[in-house]
Protein backbone atom coordinates (compact mmCIF):
# COMPACT_ATOMS: atom_id res chain seq x y z
CA MET A 1 129.83 130.43 125.83
CA VAL A 2 127.40 130.68 122.83
CA SER A 3 125.73 133.88 122.95
CA ILE A 4 121.80 134.37 123.46
CA PRO A 5 120.77 136.34 120.06
CA PRO A 6 118.57 139.71 120.66
CA ASP A 7 114.89 139.04 121.70
CA LEU A 8 112.81 139.03 118.87
CA LEU A 9 110.09 140.73 120.88
CA ASP A 10 111.83 143.42 121.44
CA ASN A 11 112.94 144.17 118.15
CA ARG A 12 109.67 143.05 116.23
CA GLU A 13 110.17 145.82 113.39
CA ALA A 14 112.75 143.03 111.91
CA ILE A 15 110.24 140.29 111.38
CA SER A 16 107.41 142.94 110.43
CA ARG A 17 109.95 144.32 107.83
CA VAL A 18 110.73 141.01 106.46
CA LEU A 19 107.56 139.98 106.22
CA GLN A 20 106.04 142.71 104.46
CA GLU A 21 107.75 141.61 101.36
CA GLN A 22 105.33 139.66 98.86
CA PRO A 23 104.77 137.14 98.66
CA ALA A 24 106.19 135.98 102.21
CA GLY A 25 106.46 132.60 103.80
CA LEU A 26 106.57 131.79 107.44
CA PHE A 27 107.78 128.51 108.44
CA LEU A 28 107.17 126.90 112.02
CA ASP A 29 108.35 123.96 114.00
CA ILE A 30 105.99 122.17 116.44
CA ASP A 31 107.45 120.77 119.38
CA GLY A 32 109.50 123.03 121.25
CA THR A 33 108.19 126.08 119.12
CA LEU A 34 104.34 126.10 118.51
CA ALA A 35 104.10 123.93 121.95
CA PRO A 36 106.20 122.84 124.87
CA LEU A 37 108.11 120.11 124.72
CA HIS A 38 105.91 117.06 126.50
CA PRO A 39 106.85 113.70 128.14
CA ASP A 40 104.28 112.19 125.73
CA PRO A 41 104.55 113.33 121.82
CA THR A 42 101.18 112.22 121.38
CA ALA A 43 99.47 114.61 124.12
CA VAL A 44 101.38 117.83 122.25
CA THR A 45 98.54 120.50 121.59
CA ILE A 46 98.75 124.31 120.16
CA THR A 47 96.84 127.11 122.09
CA ALA A 48 93.69 128.48 120.79
CA ALA A 49 95.57 131.94 120.43
CA VAL A 50 98.07 130.10 118.33
CA ARG A 51 95.94 128.19 116.29
CA GLN A 52 93.85 131.18 115.58
CA ALA A 53 96.86 133.02 114.40
CA ILE A 54 98.04 130.86 112.28
CA ALA A 55 94.65 130.74 110.16
CA SER A 56 94.90 134.45 109.89
CA LEU A 57 98.19 134.42 108.79
CA SER A 58 97.79 131.73 106.34
CA GLU A 59 95.21 134.20 104.58
CA ARG A 60 97.91 136.87 104.07
CA MET A 61 101.07 134.64 103.70
CA GLU A 62 102.39 131.15 103.13
CA VAL A 63 102.34 129.30 106.28
CA VAL A 64 104.27 126.28 106.46
CA VAL A 65 104.58 123.66 109.57
CA LEU A 66 108.20 121.80 109.36
CA SER A 67 108.48 119.22 112.05
CA GLY A 68 110.38 115.60 112.26
CA ARG A 69 106.40 114.38 112.89
CA ALA A 70 104.58 112.62 110.34
CA THR A 71 102.17 115.14 108.34
CA ALA A 72 98.96 113.67 109.62
CA ASP A 73 100.23 114.05 112.77
CA SER A 74 101.07 117.73 112.54
CA ARG A 75 97.77 118.15 111.00
CA ARG A 76 96.13 117.02 114.01
CA ILE A 77 97.73 119.23 116.07
CA VAL A 78 97.98 122.57 114.26
CA GLY A 79 94.08 121.94 112.95
CA SER A 80 94.58 123.97 109.43
CA ASP A 81 93.81 122.98 105.88
CA ALA A 82 95.16 126.27 104.73
CA VAL A 83 99.15 125.39 105.54
CA THR A 84 101.30 123.51 103.91
CA TYR A 85 102.80 120.63 106.50
CA VAL A 86 106.64 119.36 105.90
CA GLY A 87 106.92 115.78 108.20
CA ASN A 88 109.82 113.62 108.51
CA HIS A 89 112.40 116.42 108.45
CA GLY A 90 111.56 117.25 104.56
CA SER A 91 110.36 113.70 103.35
CA GLU A 92 106.81 113.74 103.57
CA TRP A 93 104.40 116.48 102.33
CA LEU A 94 100.77 117.17 102.75
CA ARG A 95 99.92 120.52 100.81
CA ASP A 96 96.54 121.38 99.12
CA GLY A 97 95.11 118.27 100.26
CA GLN A 98 97.39 115.91 99.07
CA GLU A 99 99.70 113.68 100.80
CA SER A 100 103.03 111.96 99.49
CA VAL A 101 106.42 110.84 100.48
CA LEU A 102 109.44 111.69 98.45
CA ALA A 103 110.43 108.79 96.52
CA VAL A 104 114.17 109.12 97.68
CA ALA A 105 112.80 108.65 101.10
CA ARG A 106 109.98 105.94 100.17
CA GLU A 107 112.47 102.79 99.69
CA PHE A 108 113.46 103.35 103.37
CA VAL A 109 110.09 102.75 104.78
CA PRO A 110 110.35 98.99 105.48
CA ARG A 111 113.82 99.29 107.08
CA MET A 112 112.44 101.82 109.34
CA HIS A 113 109.28 99.49 110.11
CA GLN A 114 112.16 96.71 110.98
CA ILE A 115 113.65 98.43 113.22
CA ALA A 116 111.20 100.51 114.99
CA SER A 117 109.30 96.91 115.52
CA ASP A 118 112.43 95.55 117.11
CA ALA A 119 113.34 98.67 119.14
CA LEU A 120 109.49 98.09 120.39
CA VAL A 121 110.48 94.66 121.87
CA ARG A 122 114.38 95.77 123.05
CA PHE A 123 112.92 98.19 125.05
CA VAL A 124 109.20 97.18 126.15
CA ASP A 125 110.79 96.87 129.93
CA TRP A 126 112.16 100.12 130.22
CA PRO A 127 109.77 102.53 131.39
CA GLY A 128 110.02 105.84 129.69
CA ILE A 129 111.43 105.26 126.28
CA TYR A 130 108.79 105.66 123.36
CA VAL A 131 109.34 104.77 120.08
CA GLU A 132 107.77 106.65 117.32
CA ASP A 133 107.49 104.77 113.70
CA LYS A 134 106.91 108.02 111.37
CA GLY A 135 107.24 105.94 107.99
CA PRO A 136 110.45 107.13 106.44
CA SER A 137 112.03 108.13 110.07
CA ILE A 138 112.04 107.03 113.75
CA SER A 139 112.32 108.71 116.94
CA ILE A 140 112.98 107.01 119.96
CA HIS A 141 112.19 109.56 122.67
CA TYR A 142 113.70 108.87 126.42
CA ARG A 143 112.55 112.30 127.89
CA THR A 144 110.34 110.39 130.87
CA VAL A 145 113.34 107.98 131.77
CA ALA A 146 114.89 108.05 135.33
CA ASP A 147 118.58 107.93 134.00
CA ARG A 148 118.78 109.59 130.81
CA PRO A 149 122.15 108.89 130.03
CA ALA A 150 121.71 105.35 130.51
CA ALA A 151 119.10 105.27 128.32
CA ALA A 152 120.38 107.49 125.60
CA ALA A 153 123.65 104.81 125.49
CA ALA A 154 121.67 102.22 124.91
CA ILE A 155 119.40 103.51 122.29
CA GLY A 156 122.57 104.40 120.58
CA ARG A 157 123.99 100.61 121.08
CA PHE A 158 120.51 99.50 119.74
CA ILE A 159 120.78 101.64 116.64
CA ASP A 160 124.65 101.19 116.32
CA GLU A 161 124.09 97.23 115.83
CA HIS A 162 120.84 96.80 114.05
CA PRO A 163 121.30 95.23 110.46
CA ALA A 164 118.80 97.74 109.21
CA ALA A 165 120.23 100.55 110.19
CA VAL A 166 123.76 100.27 108.54
CA GLY A 167 124.11 103.06 106.36
CA LEU A 168 121.18 105.23 107.61
CA ARG A 169 121.85 108.38 109.28
CA HIS A 170 121.27 108.89 113.20
CA SER A 171 121.17 112.40 114.93
CA ASP A 172 120.52 113.67 118.54
CA GLY A 173 117.54 115.91 119.35
CA LYS A 174 116.52 116.92 122.70
CA LEU A 175 115.99 113.86 124.74
CA VAL A 176 115.44 111.88 121.58
CA LYS A 177 117.55 109.86 118.94
CA GLU A 178 116.32 109.73 115.20
CA VAL A 179 117.00 107.84 112.54
CA ARG A 180 116.47 108.85 108.78
CA PRO A 181 117.46 108.09 105.23
CA PRO A 182 121.09 108.73 103.90
CA ILE A 183 119.44 111.46 101.43
CA ASP A 184 120.58 115.05 101.52
CA ILE A 185 116.78 116.16 102.36
CA ASN A 186 116.02 118.09 105.10
CA LYS A 187 114.38 121.15 106.86
CA GLY A 188 116.66 123.32 105.05
CA THR A 189 115.98 121.57 101.45
CA ALA A 190 112.31 121.91 102.11
CA VAL A 191 112.55 125.63 103.03
CA ALA A 192 114.44 126.53 99.59
CA THR A 193 111.82 124.02 97.63
CA VAL A 194 108.66 126.10 98.80
CA VAL A 195 110.69 129.49 98.44
CA GLU A 196 111.06 128.38 94.61
CA GLU A 197 108.11 126.66 93.92
CA ARG A 198 106.02 129.35 95.83
CA GLY A 199 108.20 132.16 94.04
CA LEU A 200 108.59 133.68 97.64
CA ARG A 201 110.48 137.26 98.63
CA ALA A 202 110.51 136.69 102.05
CA ALA A 203 110.76 134.07 104.40
CA ALA A 204 111.14 133.85 108.22
CA MET A 205 111.78 130.27 110.36
CA LEU A 206 111.16 129.63 113.52
CA GLY A 207 112.53 126.81 115.66
CA ASP A 208 114.35 125.35 118.59
CA ASP A 209 116.35 122.37 118.04
CA THR A 210 119.37 120.95 115.86
CA THR A 211 117.43 119.95 112.76
CA ASP A 212 116.09 123.54 112.60
CA VAL A 213 119.43 124.32 111.81
CA ASP A 214 119.09 123.25 108.48
CA ALA A 215 116.58 125.46 107.75
CA PHE A 216 118.22 128.48 109.38
CA ARG A 217 121.07 127.85 107.12
CA ALA A 218 118.83 127.84 104.12
CA VAL A 219 117.28 131.09 104.96
CA ALA A 220 120.81 132.45 105.58
CA ARG A 221 122.10 131.33 102.16
CA MET A 222 119.41 132.89 100.19
CA ARG A 223 119.38 135.84 101.80
CA ASP A 224 123.06 136.24 101.25
CA ALA A 225 122.30 135.41 97.59
CA GLY A 226 119.72 138.53 97.77
CA ARG A 227 117.29 135.74 96.79
CA ILE A 228 114.64 136.68 99.58
CA GLN A 229 114.38 138.83 102.65
CA GLY A 230 115.08 136.02 105.81
CA LEU A 231 115.29 136.03 109.24
CA SER A 232 116.18 133.20 111.32
CA ILE A 233 114.10 132.60 115.37
CA GLY A 234 115.85 130.32 117.66
CA VAL A 235 113.36 129.45 120.46
CA LEU A 236 114.81 128.97 123.30
CA SER A 237 114.36 126.27 126.48
CA ALA A 238 116.76 124.63 128.93
CA GLY A 239 118.24 122.66 126.41
CA THR A 240 118.76 124.74 123.19
CA PRO A 241 121.68 123.09 121.49
CA ASP A 242 124.48 125.67 120.62
CA GLU A 243 124.19 125.26 116.96
CA VAL A 244 120.18 127.14 117.41
CA LEU A 245 122.03 130.27 119.38
CA GLU A 246 125.03 129.99 116.68
CA ALA A 247 122.44 130.05 113.45
CA ALA A 248 119.47 132.27 114.48
CA ASP A 249 119.62 135.74 113.89
CA TYR A 250 116.96 136.58 116.90
CA SER A 251 115.74 134.18 119.84
CA LEU A 252 112.16 134.13 122.23
CA ALA A 253 112.41 132.97 125.36
CA ASP A 254 109.89 130.12 125.20
CA THR A 255 106.65 129.02 123.60
CA ASN A 256 104.65 131.20 125.53
CA ALA A 257 106.36 134.27 123.61
CA VAL A 258 106.29 132.34 120.32
CA GLU A 259 102.32 132.61 120.48
CA ARG A 260 102.74 136.43 121.31
CA LEU A 261 104.65 137.21 118.48
CA LEU A 262 102.01 134.77 116.32
CA VAL A 263 99.10 136.94 117.63
CA TRP A 264 101.34 140.38 117.25
CA LEU A 265 101.58 139.79 113.21
CA ALA A 266 97.81 138.49 113.02
CA ASP A 267 96.78 141.53 114.59
CA LEU A 268 98.98 143.52 112.46
CA GLY A 269 97.57 142.26 109.45
CA GLY A 270 94.05 142.75 110.87
CA GLN A 271 95.07 146.68 111.21
CA GLY A 272 96.20 147.20 107.46
């Protein structure tokens, strides 16, 4: 059994020591990290305390929201124009008021639209399955389905058999199946890009699912190479994948613990 990393709230000096290096970057996932997982992805919100802490932290460090969601959706949830949004697992960016899709991902958008459209038809009579067309990628959620194993199998067969999905990358998250372009773009490449472009000397990443592991590993590689001071924090839930626990340096018990950490970090800066 994989052991749970030390709780960061009991080791706050670890993250404060890292983020004291300037310039620093704080990288944040949304679902399962800033906000609890919700049966309806469109109903996800963050608390006022988290929103205020992010706004405060963005005044003294680079804050990047990394999500599988579209950037516009992430912006709607977080509500700040002072942070950088990276959506679709690294394929879509919203920063400095400019929104863009990486050219290598853009060519796959028509195929994604076709798969999503056909999925809506295939699962129209299956209550609880939610198809999310995000342009450069697709997520098919089955969190509220009564028979989750059956839904997962049916969605998997649909993706495997769809002509437009041939050659695309398929992955599993927490009660969601995702289809992405076959390109070497992920949350890890996004973290590395921001570190390089912003000249960061420190980076801390918070995430809860398998797609966040790419970012954890990118932080570790840059730290091991002496490029940055770095820290990866896994946010726990009943379904935390082993890969998250293996790649994280520290853990937080849940999204409430994330809120406490962010508020503490924001207040720490205010005391300086």
